[in-house]
Amino acid sequence: RMWSKKVAVVFQEVPQNLDLTSQEVVTM
């Protein structure tokens, strides 16, 4: 949890089939 608060990561491969809206993905 502490690591996630301090570090964010964006990988080249993105999830393809998330059944969520774009705003819901960002809210994650």
mmCIF file of all heavy atoms, coordinates in Angstrom:
data_MODEL
# 
_entry.id   MODEL 
# 
loop_
_atom_site.group_PDB 
_atom_site.id 
_atom_site.type_symbol 
_atom_site.label_atom_id 
_atom_site.label_alt_id 
_atom_site.label_comp_id 
_atom_site.label_asym_id 
_atom_site.label_entity_id 
_atom_site.label_seq_id 
_atom_site.pdbx_PDB_ins_code 
_atom_site.Cartn_x 
_atom_site.Cartn_y 
_atom_site.Cartn_z 
_atom_site.occupancy 
_atom_site.B_iso_or_equiv 
_atom_site.pdbx_formal_charge 
_atom_site.auth_seq_id 
_atom_site.auth_comp_id 
_atom_site.auth_asym_id 
_atom_site.auth_atom_id 
_atom_site.pdbx_PDB_model_num 
ATOM 1   N N   . ARG A 1 1  ? 0.829   -1.207 0.000   1.00 0.00 ? 1  ARG A N   1 
ATOM 2   C CA  . ARG A 1 1  ? 0.000   0.000  0.000   1.00 0.00 ? 1  ARG A CA  1 
ATOM 3   C C   . ARG A 1 1  ? 0.862   1.255  0.000   1.00 0.00 ? 1  ARG A C   1 
ATOM 4   O O   . ARG A 1 1  ? 0.604   2.205  -0.743  1.00 0.00 ? 1  ARG A O   1 
ATOM 5   C CB  . ARG A 1 1  ? -0.923  -0.017 1.216   1.00 0.00 ? 1  ARG A CB  1 
ATOM 6   C CG  . ARG A 1 1  ? -1.877  1.172  1.280   1.00 0.00 ? 1  ARG A CG  1 
ATOM 7   C CD  . ARG A 1 1  ? -2.760  1.056  2.517   1.00 0.00 ? 1  ARG A CD  1 
ATOM 8   N NE  . ARG A 1 1  ? -3.664  2.193  2.612   1.00 0.00 ? 1  ARG A NE  1 
ATOM 9   C CZ  . ARG A 1 1  ? -4.814  2.292  1.969   1.00 0.00 ? 1  ARG A CZ  1 
ATOM 10  N NH1 . ARG A 1 1  ? -5.199  1.317  1.166   1.00 0.00 ? 1  ARG A NH1 1 
ATOM 11  N NH2 . ARG A 1 1  ? -5.592  3.349  2.116   1.00 0.00 ? 1  ARG A NH2 1 
ATOM 12  N N   . MET A 1 2  ? 1.907   1.261  0.820   1.00 0.00 ? 2  MET A N   1 
ATOM 13  C CA  . MET A 1 2  ? 2.789   2.427  0.881   1.00 0.00 ? 2  MET A CA  1 
ATOM 14  C C   . MET A 1 2  ? 3.526   2.601  -0.440  1.00 0.00 ? 2  MET A C   1 
ATOM 15  O O   . MET A 1 2  ? 3.711   3.719  -0.920  1.00 0.00 ? 2  MET A O   1 
ATOM 16  C CB  . MET A 1 2  ? 3.781   2.268  2.038   1.00 0.00 ? 2  MET A CB  1 
ATOM 17  C CG  . MET A 1 2  ? 4.678   3.484  2.244   1.00 0.00 ? 2  MET A CG  1 
ATOM 18  S SD  . MET A 1 2  ? 3.752   5.014  2.543   1.00 0.00 ? 2  MET A SD  1 
ATOM 19  C CE  . MET A 1 2  ? 3.031   4.644  4.159   1.00 0.00 ? 2  MET A CE  1 
ATOM 20  N N   . TRP A 1 3  ? 3.962   1.494  -1.035  1.00 0.00 ? 3  TRP A N   1 
ATOM 21  C CA  . TRP A 1 3  ? 4.644   1.543  -2.329  1.00 0.00 ? 3  TRP A CA  1 
ATOM 22  C C   . TRP A 1 3  ? 3.723   2.166  -3.379  1.00 0.00 ? 3  TRP A C   1 
ATOM 23  O O   . TRP A 1 3  ? 4.128   3.012  -4.178  1.00 0.00 ? 3  TRP A O   1 
ATOM 24  C CB  . TRP A 1 3  ? 5.044   0.127  -2.752  1.00 0.00 ? 3  TRP A CB  1 
ATOM 25  C CG  . TRP A 1 3  ? 6.188   0.072  -3.729  1.00 0.00 ? 3  TRP A CG  1 
ATOM 26  C CD1 . TRP A 1 3  ? 6.349   0.826  -4.855  1.00 0.00 ? 3  TRP A CD1 1 
ATOM 27  C CD2 . TRP A 1 3  ? 7.333   -0.769 -3.657  1.00 0.00 ? 3  TRP A CD2 1 
ATOM 28  N NE1 . TRP A 1 3  ? 7.508   0.505  -5.490  1.00 0.00 ? 3  TRP A NE1 1 
ATOM 29  C CE2 . TRP A 1 3  ? 8.141   -0.479 -4.785  1.00 0.00 ? 3  TRP A CE2 1 
ATOM 30  C CE3 . TRP A 1 3  ? 7.749   -1.753 -2.766  1.00 0.00 ? 3  TRP A CE3 1 
ATOM 31  C CZ2 . TRP A 1 3  ? 9.331   -1.145 -5.046  1.00 0.00 ? 3  TRP A CZ2 1 
ATOM 32  C CZ3 . TRP A 1 3  ? 8.940   -2.403 -3.030  1.00 0.00 ? 3  TRP A CZ3 1 
ATOM 33  C CH2 . TRP A 1 3  ? 9.725   -2.104 -4.145  1.00 0.00 ? 3  TRP A CH2 1 
ATOM 34  N N   . SER A 1 4  ? 2.443   1.768  -3.359  1.00 0.00 ? 4  SER A N   1 
ATOM 35  C CA  . SER A 1 4  ? 1.480   2.272  -4.332  1.00 0.00 ? 4  SER A CA  1 
ATOM 36  C C   . SER A 1 4  ? 1.193   3.757  -4.139  1.00 0.00 ? 4  SER A C   1 
ATOM 37  O O   . SER A 1 4  ? 0.838   4.452  -5.092  1.00 0.00 ? 4  SER A O   1 
ATOM 38  C CB  . SER A 1 4  ? 0.170   1.483  -4.231  1.00 0.00 ? 4  SER A CB  1 
ATOM 39  O OG  . SER A 1 4  ? 0.378   0.125  -4.549  1.00 0.00 ? 4  SER A OG  1 
ATOM 40  N N   . LYS A 1 5  ? 1.311   4.226  -2.908  1.00 0.00 ? 5  LYS A N   1 
ATOM 41  C CA  . LYS A 1 5  ? 1.121   5.661  -2.667  1.00 0.00 ? 5  LYS A CA  1 
ATOM 42  C C   . LYS A 1 5  ? 2.283   6.481  -3.210  1.00 0.00 ? 5  LYS A C   1 
ATOM 43  O O   . LYS A 1 5  ? 2.117   7.622  -3.640  1.00 0.00 ? 5  LYS A O   1 
ATOM 44  C CB  . LYS A 1 5  ? 0.977   5.928  -1.159  1.00 0.00 ? 5  LYS A CB  1 
ATOM 45  C CG  . LYS A 1 5  ? -0.409  5.672  -0.604  1.00 0.00 ? 5  LYS A CG  1 
ATOM 46  C CD  . LYS A 1 5  ? -0.477  6.132  0.844   1.00 0.00 ? 5  LYS A CD  1 
ATOM 47  C CE  . LYS A 1 5  ? -1.885  5.996  1.389   1.00 0.00 ? 5  LYS A CE  1 
ATOM 48  N NZ  . LYS A 1 5  ? -1.985  6.485  2.783   1.00 0.00 ? 5  LYS A NZ  1 
ATOM 49  N N   . LYS A 1 6  ? 3.468   5.891  -3.176  1.00 0.00 ? 6  LYS A N   1 
ATOM 50  C CA  . LYS A 1 6  ? 4.656   6.623  -3.574  1.00 0.00 ? 6  LYS A CA  1 
ATOM 51  C C   . LYS A 1 6  ? 4.993   6.482  -5.055  1.00 0.00 ? 6  LYS A C   1 
ATOM 52  O O   . LYS A 1 6  ? 5.537   7.402  -5.669  1.00 0.00 ? 6  LYS A O   1 
ATOM 53  C CB  . LYS A 1 6  ? 5.867   6.144  -2.743  1.00 0.00 ? 6  LYS A CB  1 
ATOM 54  C CG  . LYS A 1 6  ? 5.819   6.514  -1.277  1.00 0.00 ? 6  LYS A CG  1 
ATOM 55  C CD  . LYS A 1 6  ? 7.016   5.955  -0.539  1.00 0.00 ? 6  LYS A CD  1 
ATOM 56  C CE  . LYS A 1 6  ? 7.058   6.401  0.906   1.00 0.00 ? 6  LYS A CE  1 
ATOM 57  N NZ  . LYS A 1 6  ? 7.357   7.834  1.044   1.00 0.00 ? 6  LYS A NZ  1 
ATOM 58  N N   . VAL A 1 7  ? 4.676   5.309  -5.628  1.00 0.00 ? 7  VAL A N   1 
ATOM 59  C CA  . VAL A 1 7  ? 5.156   4.981  -6.972  1.00 0.00 ? 7  VAL A CA  1 
ATOM 60  C C   . VAL A 1 7  ? 3.988   4.648  -7.889  1.00 0.00 ? 7  VAL A C   1 
ATOM 61  O O   . VAL A 1 7  ? 3.143   3.805  -7.552  1.00 0.00 ? 7  VAL A O   1 
ATOM 62  C CB  . VAL A 1 7  ? 6.138   3.785  -6.942  1.00 0.00 ? 7  VAL A CB  1 
ATOM 63  C CG1 . VAL A 1 7  ? 6.681   3.517  -8.336  1.00 0.00 ? 7  VAL A CG1 1 
ATOM 64  C CG2 . VAL A 1 7  ? 7.277   4.050  -5.957  1.00 0.00 ? 7  VAL A CG2 1 
ATOM 65  N N   . ALA A 1 8  ? 3.952   5.305  -9.061  1.00 0.00 ? 8  ALA A N   1 
ATOM 66  C CA  . ALA A 1 8  ? 2.986   4.963  -10.105 1.00 0.00 ? 8  ALA A CA  1 
ATOM 67  C C   . ALA A 1 8  ? 3.762   4.518  -11.343 1.00 0.00 ? 8  ALA A C   1 
ATOM 68  O O   . ALA A 1 8  ? 4.866   5.004  -11.605 1.00 0.00 ? 8  ALA A O   1 
ATOM 69  C CB  . ALA A 1 8  ? 2.101   6.156  -10.448 1.00 0.00 ? 8  ALA A CB  1 
ATOM 70  N N   . VAL A 1 9  ? 3.165   3.589  -12.080 1.00 0.00 ? 9  VAL A N   1 
ATOM 71  C CA  . VAL A 1 9  ? 3.862   3.045  -13.240 1.00 0.00 ? 9  VAL A CA  1 
ATOM 72  C C   . VAL A 1 9  ? 2.901   2.922  -14.420 1.00 0.00 ? 9  VAL A C   1 
ATOM 73  O O   . VAL A 1 9  ? 1.730   2.573  -14.240 1.00 0.00 ? 9  VAL A O   1 
ATOM 74  C CB  . VAL A 1 9  ? 4.513   1.673  -12.903 1.00 0.00 ? 9  VAL A CB  1 
ATOM 75  C CG1 . VAL A 1 9  ? 3.463   0.677  -12.457 1.00 0.00 ? 9  VAL A CG1 1 
ATOM 76  C CG2 . VAL A 1 9  ? 5.308   1.133  -14.084 1.00 0.00 ? 9  VAL A CG2 1 
ATOM 77  N N   . VAL A 1 10 ? 3.394   3.245  -15.603 1.00 0.00 ? 10 VAL A N   1 
ATOM 78  C CA  . VAL A 1 10 ? 2.623   3.093  -16.844 1.00 0.00 ? 10 VAL A CA  1 
ATOM 79  C C   . VAL A 1 10 ? 3.447   2.219  -17.778 1.00 0.00 ? 10 VAL A C   1 
ATOM 80  O O   . VAL A 1 10 ? 4.511   2.636  -18.256 1.00 0.00 ? 10 VAL A O   1 
ATOM 81  C CB  . VAL A 1 10 ? 2.346   4.449  -17.516 1.00 0.00 ? 10 VAL A CB  1 
ATOM 82  C CG1 . VAL A 1 10 ? 1.548   4.249  -18.809 1.00 0.00 ? 10 VAL A CG1 1 
ATOM 83  C CG2 . VAL A 1 10 ? 1.601   5.375  -16.573 1.00 0.00 ? 10 VAL A CG2 1 
ATOM 84  N N   . PHE A 1 11 ? 2.962   1.006  -18.016 1.00 0.00 ? 11 PHE A N   1 
ATOM 85  C CA  . PHE A 1 11 ? 3.674   0.096  -18.899 1.00 0.00 ? 11 PHE A CA  1 
ATOM 86  C C   . PHE A 1 11 ? 3.194   0.253  -20.335 1.00 0.00 ? 11 PHE A C   1 
ATOM 87  O O   . PHE A 1 11 ? 2.116   0.798  -20.600 1.00 0.00 ? 11 PHE A O   1 
ATOM 88  C CB  . PHE A 1 11 ? 3.490   -1.356 -18.450 1.00 0.00 ? 11 PHE A CB  1 
ATOM 89  C CG  . PHE A 1 11 ? 4.249   -1.696 -17.200 1.00 0.00 ? 11 PHE A CG  1 
ATOM 90  C CD1 . PHE A 1 11 ? 3.587   -2.031 -16.038 1.00 0.00 ? 11 PHE A CD1 1 
ATOM 91  C CD2 . PHE A 1 11 ? 5.638   -1.648 -17.198 1.00 0.00 ? 11 PHE A CD2 1 
ATOM 92  C CE1 . PHE A 1 11 ? 4.285   -2.338 -14.891 1.00 0.00 ? 11 PHE A CE1 1 
ATOM 93  C CE2 . PHE A 1 11 ? 6.347   -1.945 -16.044 1.00 0.00 ? 11 PHE A CE2 1 
ATOM 94  C CZ  . PHE A 1 11 ? 5.675   -2.291 -14.889 1.00 0.00 ? 11 PHE A CZ  1 
ATOM 95  N N   . GLN A 1 12 ? 4.001   -0.233 -21.264 1.00 0.00 ? 12 GLN A N   1 
ATOM 96  C CA  . GLN A 1 12 ? 3.668   -0.124 -22.678 1.00 0.00 ? 12 GLN A CA  1 
ATOM 97  C C   . GLN A 1 12 ? 2.453   -0.986 -23.023 1.00 0.00 ? 12 GLN A C   1 
ATOM 98  O O   . GLN A 1 12 ? 1.603   -0.603 -23.812 1.00 0.00 ? 12 GLN A O   1 
ATOM 99  C CB  . GLN A 1 12 ? 4.870   -0.537 -23.527 1.00 0.00 ? 12 GLN A CB  1 
ATOM 100 C CG  . GLN A 1 12 ? 4.755   -0.166 -24.986 1.00 0.00 ? 12 GLN A CG  1 
ATOM 101 C CD  . GLN A 1 12 ? 6.026   -0.484 -25.736 1.00 0.00 ? 12 GLN A CD  1 
ATOM 102 O OE1 . GLN A 1 12 ? 6.979   -1.006 -25.181 1.00 0.00 ? 12 GLN A OE1 1 
ATOM 103 N NE2 . GLN A 1 12 ? 6.047   -0.180 -27.013 1.00 0.00 ? 12 GLN A NE2 1 
ATOM 104 N N   . GLU A 1 13 ? 2.376   -2.165 -22.397 1.00 0.00 ? 13 GLU A N   1 
ATOM 105 C CA  . GLU A 1 13 ? 1.237   -3.041 -22.639 1.00 0.00 ? 13 GLU A CA  1 
ATOM 106 C C   . GLU A 1 13 ? 0.085   -2.582 -21.752 1.00 0.00 ? 13 GLU A C   1 
ATOM 107 O O   . GLU A 1 13 ? 0.237   -2.484 -20.536 1.00 0.00 ? 13 GLU A O   1 
ATOM 108 C CB  . GLU A 1 13 ? 1.574   -4.498 -22.313 1.00 0.00 ? 13 GLU A CB  1 
ATOM 109 C CG  . GLU A 1 13 ? 2.796   -5.036 -23.040 1.00 0.00 ? 13 GLU A CG  1 
ATOM 110 C CD  . GLU A 1 13 ? 4.109   -4.673 -22.367 1.00 0.00 ? 13 GLU A CD  1 
ATOM 111 O OE1 . GLU A 1 13 ? 4.065   -4.208 -21.213 1.00 0.00 ? 13 GLU A OE1 1 
ATOM 112 O OE2 . GLU A 1 13 ? 5.154   -4.828 -23.006 1.00 0.00 ? 13 GLU A OE2 1 
ATOM 113 N N   . VAL A 1 14 ? -1.068  -2.292 -22.346 1.00 0.00 ? 14 VAL A N   1 
ATOM 114 C CA  . VAL A 1 14 ? -2.223  -1.852 -21.571 1.00 0.00 ? 14 VAL A CA  1 
ATOM 115 C C   . VAL A 1 14 ? -3.299  -2.935 -21.602 1.00 0.00 ? 14 VAL A C   1 
ATOM 116 O O   . VAL A 1 14 ? -3.379  -3.714 -22.557 1.00 0.00 ? 14 VAL A O   1 
ATOM 117 C CB  . VAL A 1 14 ? -2.798  -0.526 -22.133 1.00 0.00 ? 14 VAL A CB  1 
ATOM 118 C CG1 . VAL A 1 14 ? -1.776  0.573  -22.041 1.00 0.00 ? 14 VAL A CG1 1 
ATOM 119 C CG2 . VAL A 1 14 ? -3.274  -0.704 -23.568 1.00 0.00 ? 14 VAL A CG2 1 
ATOM 120 N N   . PRO A 1 15 ? -4.132  -3.014 -20.545 1.00 0.00 ? 15 PRO A N   1 
ATOM 121 C CA  . PRO A 1 15 ? -5.224  -3.993 -20.554 1.00 0.00 ? 15 PRO A CA  1 
ATOM 122 C C   . PRO A 1 15 ? -6.133  -3.760 -21.759 1.00 0.00 ? 15 PRO A C   1 
ATOM 123 O O   . PRO A 1 15 ? -6.435  -2.618 -22.105 1.00 0.00 ? 15 PRO A O   1 
ATOM 124 C CB  . PRO A 1 15 ? -5.962  -3.711 -19.233 1.00 0.00 ? 15 PRO A CB  1 
ATOM 125 C CG  . PRO A 1 15 ? -4.984  -2.961 -18.394 1.00 0.00 ? 15 PRO A CG  1 
ATOM 126 C CD  . PRO A 1 15 ? -4.112  -2.192 -19.330 1.00 0.00 ? 15 PRO A CD  1 
ATOM 127 N N   . GLN A 1 16 ? -6.571  -4.824 -22.393 1.00 0.00 ? 16 GLN A N   1 
ATOM 128 C CA  . GLN A 1 16 ? -7.351  -4.699 -23.616 1.00 0.00 ? 16 GLN A CA  1 
ATOM 129 C C   . GLN A 1 16 ? -8.854  -4.803 -23.398 1.00 0.00 ? 16 GLN A C   1 
ATOM 130 O O   . GLN A 1 16 ? -9.631  -4.208 -24.126 1.00 0.00 ? 16 GLN A O   1 
ATOM 131 C CB  . GLN A 1 16 ? -6.903  -5.768 -24.628 1.00 0.00 ? 16 GLN A CB  1 
ATOM 132 C CG  . GLN A 1 16 ? -5.455  -5.633 -25.060 1.00 0.00 ? 16 GLN A CG  1 
ATOM 133 C CD  . GLN A 1 16 ? -5.167  -4.305 -25.744 1.00 0.00 ? 16 GLN A CD  1 
ATOM 134 O OE1 . GLN A 1 16 ? -5.926  -3.855 -26.605 1.00 0.00 ? 16 GLN A OE1 1 
ATOM 135 N NE2 . GLN A 1 16 ? -4.068  -3.669 -25.357 1.00 0.00 ? 16 GLN A NE2 1 
ATOM 136 N N   . ASN A 1 17 ? -9.296  -5.546 -22.408 1.00 0.00 ? 17 ASN A N   1 
ATOM 137 C CA  . ASN A 1 17 ? -10.724 -5.869 -22.305 1.00 0.00 ? 17 ASN A CA  1 
ATOM 138 C C   . ASN A 1 17 ? -11.341 -5.452 -20.976 1.00 0.00 ? 17 ASN A C   1 
ATOM 139 O O   . ASN A 1 17 ? -12.211 -6.153 -20.453 1.00 0.00 ? 17 ASN A O   1 
ATOM 140 C CB  . ASN A 1 17 ? -10.928 -7.373 -22.532 1.00 0.00 ? 17 ASN A CB  1 
ATOM 141 C CG  . ASN A 1 17 ? -10.449 -7.801 -23.912 1.00 0.00 ? 17 ASN A CG  1 
ATOM 142 O OD1 . ASN A 1 17 ? -10.800 -7.178 -24.908 1.00 0.00 ? 17 ASN A OD1 1 
ATOM 143 N ND2 . ASN A 1 17 ? -9.639  -8.846 -23.962 1.00 0.00 ? 17 ASN A ND2 1 
ATOM 144 N N   . LEU A 1 18 ? -10.901 -4.348 -20.419 1.00 0.00 ? 18 LEU A N   1 
ATOM 145 C CA  . LEU A 1 18 ? -11.499 -3.868 -19.179 1.00 0.00 ? 18 LEU A CA  1 
ATOM 146 C C   . LEU A 1 18 ? -12.933 -3.419 -19.443 1.00 0.00 ? 18 LEU A C   1 
ATOM 147 O O   . LEU A 1 18 ? -13.180 -2.570 -20.304 1.00 0.00 ? 18 LEU A O   1 
ATOM 148 C CB  . LEU A 1 18 ? -10.696 -2.692 -18.618 1.00 0.00 ? 18 LEU A CB  1 
ATOM 149 C CG  . LEU A 1 18 ? -9.402  -3.006 -17.866 1.00 0.00 ? 18 LEU A CG  1 
ATOM 150 C CD1 . LEU A 1 18 ? -8.736  -1.718 -17.427 1.00 0.00 ? 18 LEU A CD1 1 
ATOM 151 C CD2 . LEU A 1 18 ? -9.672  -3.892 -16.659 1.00 0.00 ? 18 LEU A CD2 1 
ATOM 152 N N   . ASP A 1 19 ? -13.877 -3.975 -18.704 1.00 0.00 ? 19 ASP A N   1 
ATOM 153 C CA  . ASP A 1 19 ? -15.281 -3.613 -18.882 1.00 0.00 ? 19 ASP A CA  1 
ATOM 154 C C   . ASP A 1 19 ? -15.623 -2.427 -17.977 1.00 0.00 ? 19 ASP A C   1 
ATOM 155 O O   . ASP A 1 19 ? -16.540 -2.486 -17.154 1.00 0.00 ? 19 ASP A O   1 
ATOM 156 C CB  . ASP A 1 19 ? -16.169 -4.826 -18.566 1.00 0.00 ? 19 ASP A CB  1 
ATOM 157 C CG  . ASP A 1 19 ? -17.604 -4.599 -19.020 1.00 0.00 ? 19 ASP A CG  1 
ATOM 158 O OD1 . ASP A 1 19 ? -17.809 -3.757 -19.923 1.00 0.00 ? 19 ASP A OD1 1 
ATOM 159 O OD2 . ASP A 1 19 ? -18.509 -5.245 -18.457 1.00 0.00 ? 19 ASP A OD2 1 
ATOM 160 N N   . LEU A 1 20 ? -14.843 -1.347 -18.142 1.00 0.00 ? 20 LEU A N   1 
ATOM 161 C CA  . LEU A 1 20 ? -15.002 -0.138 -17.347 1.00 0.00 ? 20 LEU A CA  1 
ATOM 162 C C   . LEU A 1 20 ? -14.947 1.072  -18.265 1.00 0.00 ? 20 LEU A C   1 
ATOM 163 O O   . LEU A 1 20 ? -14.349 1.019  -19.347 1.00 0.00 ? 20 LEU A O   1 
ATOM 164 C CB  . LEU A 1 20 ? -13.881 -0.020 -16.302 1.00 0.00 ? 20 LEU A CB  1 
ATOM 165 C CG  . LEU A 1 20 ? -13.768 -1.116 -15.241 1.00 0.00 ? 20 LEU A CG  1 
ATOM 166 C CD1 . LEU A 1 20 ? -12.458 -0.947 -14.478 1.00 0.00 ? 20 LEU A CD1 1 
ATOM 167 C CD2 . LEU A 1 20 ? -14.959 -1.083 -14.288 1.00 0.00 ? 20 LEU A CD2 1 
ATOM 168 N N   . THR A 1 21 ? -15.551 2.157  -17.828 1.00 0.00 ? 21 THR A N   1 
ATOM 169 C CA  . THR A 1 21 ? -15.405 3.389  -18.597 1.00 0.00 ? 21 THR A CA  1 
ATOM 170 C C   . THR A 1 21 ? -14.012 3.962  -18.362 1.00 0.00 ? 21 THR A C   1 
ATOM 171 O O   . THR A 1 21 ? -13.322 3.591  -17.403 1.00 0.00 ? 21 THR A O   1 
ATOM 172 C CB  . THR A 1 21 ? -16.446 4.436  -18.177 1.00 0.00 ? 21 THR A CB  1 
ATOM 173 O OG1 . THR A 1 21 ? -16.176 4.836  -16.824 1.00 0.00 ? 21 THR A OG1 1 
ATOM 174 C CG2 . THR A 1 21 ? -17.857 3.887  -18.296 1.00 0.00 ? 21 THR A CG2 1 
ATOM 175 N N   . SER A 1 22 ? -13.622 4.886  -19.219 1.00 0.00 ? 22 SER A N   1 
ATOM 176 C CA  . SER A 1 22 ? -12.308 5.516  -19.071 1.00 0.00 ? 22 SER A CA  1 
ATOM 177 C C   . SER A 1 22 ? -12.191 6.213  -17.726 1.00 0.00 ? 22 SER A C   1 
ATOM 178 O O   . SER A 1 22 ? -11.147 6.145  -17.057 1.00 0.00 ? 22 SER A O   1 
ATOM 179 C CB  . SER A 1 22 ? -12.089 6.517  -20.212 1.00 0.00 ? 22 SER A CB  1 
ATOM 180 O OG  . SER A 1 22 ? -12.136 5.873  -21.454 1.00 0.00 ? 22 SER A OG  1 
ATOM 181 N N   . GLN A 1 23 ? -13.245 6.888  -17.298 1.00 0.00 ? 23 GLN A N   1 
ATOM 182 C CA  . GLN A 1 23 ? -13.201 7.587  -16.013 1.00 0.00 ? 23 GLN A CA  1 
ATOM 183 C C   . GLN A 1 23 ? -13.041 6.603  -14.861 1.00 0.00 ? 23 GLN A C   1 
ATOM 184 O O   . GLN A 1 23 ? -12.309 6.883  -13.899 1.00 0.00 ? 23 GLN A O   1 
ATOM 185 C CB  . GLN A 1 23 ? -14.476 8.413  -15.825 1.00 0.00 ? 23 GLN A CB  1 
ATOM 186 C CG  . GLN A 1 23 ? -14.464 9.247  -14.546 1.00 0.00 ? 23 GLN A CG  1 
ATOM 187 C CD  . GLN A 1 23 ? -15.615 10.229 -14.483 1.00 0.00 ? 23 GLN A CD  1 
ATOM 188 O OE1 . GLN A 1 23 ? -16.102 10.681 -15.511 1.00 0.00 ? 23 GLN A OE1 1 
ATOM 189 N NE2 . GLN A 1 23 ? -16.050 10.554 -13.285 1.00 0.00 ? 23 GLN A NE2 1 
ATOM 190 N N   . GLU A 1 24 ? -13.699 5.455  -14.956 1.00 0.00 ? 24 GLU A N   1 
ATOM 191 C CA  . GLU A 1 24 ? -13.570 4.445  -13.899 1.00 0.00 ? 24 GLU A CA  1 
ATOM 192 C C   . GLU A 1 24 ? -12.148 3.897  -13.836 1.00 0.00 ? 24 GLU A C   1 
ATOM 193 O O   . GLU A 1 24 ? -11.615 3.621  -12.754 1.00 0.00 ? 24 GLU A O   1 
ATOM 194 C CB  . GLU A 1 24 ? -14.571 3.317  -14.134 1.00 0.00 ? 24 GLU A CB  1 
ATOM 195 C CG  . GLU A 1 24 ? -16.009 3.723  -13.850 1.00 0.00 ? 24 GLU A CG  1 
ATOM 196 C CD  . GLU A 1 24 ? -17.023 2.685  -14.308 1.00 0.00 ? 24 GLU A CD  1 
ATOM 197 O OE1 . GLU A 1 24 ? -16.701 1.895  -15.238 1.00 0.00 ? 24 GLU A OE1 1 
ATOM 198 O OE2 . GLU A 1 24 ? -18.139 2.669  -13.772 1.00 0.00 ? 24 GLU A OE2 1 
ATOM 199 N N   . VAL A 1 25 ? -11.503 3.760  -15.005 1.00 0.00 ? 25 VAL A N   1 
ATOM 200 C CA  . VAL A 1 25 ? -10.107 3.295  -15.032 1.00 0.00 ? 25 VAL A CA  1 
ATOM 201 C C   . VAL A 1 25 ? -9.201  4.316  -14.356 1.00 0.00 ? 25 VAL A C   1 
ATOM 202 O O   . VAL A 1 25 ? -8.330  3.967  -13.541 1.00 0.00 ? 25 VAL A O   1 
ATOM 203 C CB  . VAL A 1 25 ? -9.650  3.033  -16.479 1.00 0.00 ? 25 VAL A CB  1 
ATOM 204 C CG1 . VAL A 1 25 ? -8.140  2.747  -16.516 1.00 0.00 ? 25 VAL A CG1 1 
ATOM 205 C CG2 . VAL A 1 25 ? -10.416 1.865  -17.088 1.00 0.00 ? 25 VAL A CG2 1 
ATOM 206 N N   . VAL A 1 26 ? -9.413  5.593  -14.655 1.00 0.00 ? 26 VAL A N   1 
ATOM 207 C CA  . VAL A 1 26 ? -8.585  6.648  -14.049 1.00 0.00 ? 26 VAL A CA  1 
ATOM 208 C C   . VAL A 1 26 ? -8.840  6.702  -12.543 1.00 0.00 ? 26 VAL A C   1 
ATOM 209 O O   . VAL A 1 26 ? -7.906  6.903  -11.748 1.00 0.00 ? 26 VAL A O   1 
ATOM 210 C CB  . VAL A 1 26 ? -8.875  8.010  -14.708 1.00 0.00 ? 26 VAL A CB  1 
ATOM 211 C CG1 . VAL A 1 26 ? -8.064  9.123  -14.028 1.00 0.00 ? 26 VAL A CG1 1 
ATOM 212 C CG2 . VAL A 1 26 ? -8.539  7.958  -16.195 1.00 0.00 ? 26 VAL A CG2 1 
ATOM 213 N N   . THR A 1 27 ? -10.084 6.490  -12.135 1.00 0.00 ? 27 THR A N   1 
ATOM 214 C CA  . THR A 1 27 ? -10.424 6.512  -10.702 1.00 0.00 ? 27 THR A CA  1 
ATOM 215 C C   . THR A 1 27 ? -9.674  5.433  -9.935  1.00 0.00 ? 27 THR A C   1 
ATOM 216 O O   . THR A 1 27 ? -9.395  5.593  -8.730  1.00 0.00 ? 27 THR A O   1 
ATOM 217 C CB  . THR A 1 27 ? -11.942 6.357  -10.519 1.00 0.00 ? 27 THR A CB  1 
ATOM 218 O OG1 . THR A 1 27 ? -12.607 7.410  -11.230 1.00 0.00 ? 27 THR A OG1 1 
ATOM 219 C CG2 . THR A 1 27 ? -12.332 6.418  -9.050  1.00 0.00 ? 27 THR A CG2 1 
ATOM 220 N N   . MET A 1 28 ? -9.304  4.342  -10.615 1.00 0.00 ? 28 MET A N   1 
ATOM 221 C CA  . MET A 1 28 ? -8.531  3.285  -9.952  1.00 0.00 ? 28 MET A CA  1 
ATOM 222 C C   . MET A 1 28 ? -7.217  3.820  -9.389  1.00 0.00 ? 28 MET A C   1 
ATOM 223 O O   . MET A 1 28 ? -6.658  3.253  -8.441  1.00 0.00 ? 28 MET A O   1 
ATOM 224 C CB  . MET A 1 28 ? -8.262  2.142  -10.933 1.00 0.00 ? 28 MET A CB  1 
ATOM 225 C CG  . MET A 1 28 ? -9.510  1.359  -11.325 1.00 0.00 ? 28 MET A CG  1 
ATOM 226 S SD  . MET A 1 28 ? -9.221  0.256  -12.736 1.00 0.00 ? 28 MET A SD  1 
ATOM 227 C CE  . MET A 1 28 ? -8.025  -0.890 -12.022 1.00 0.00 ? 28 MET A CE  1 
# 
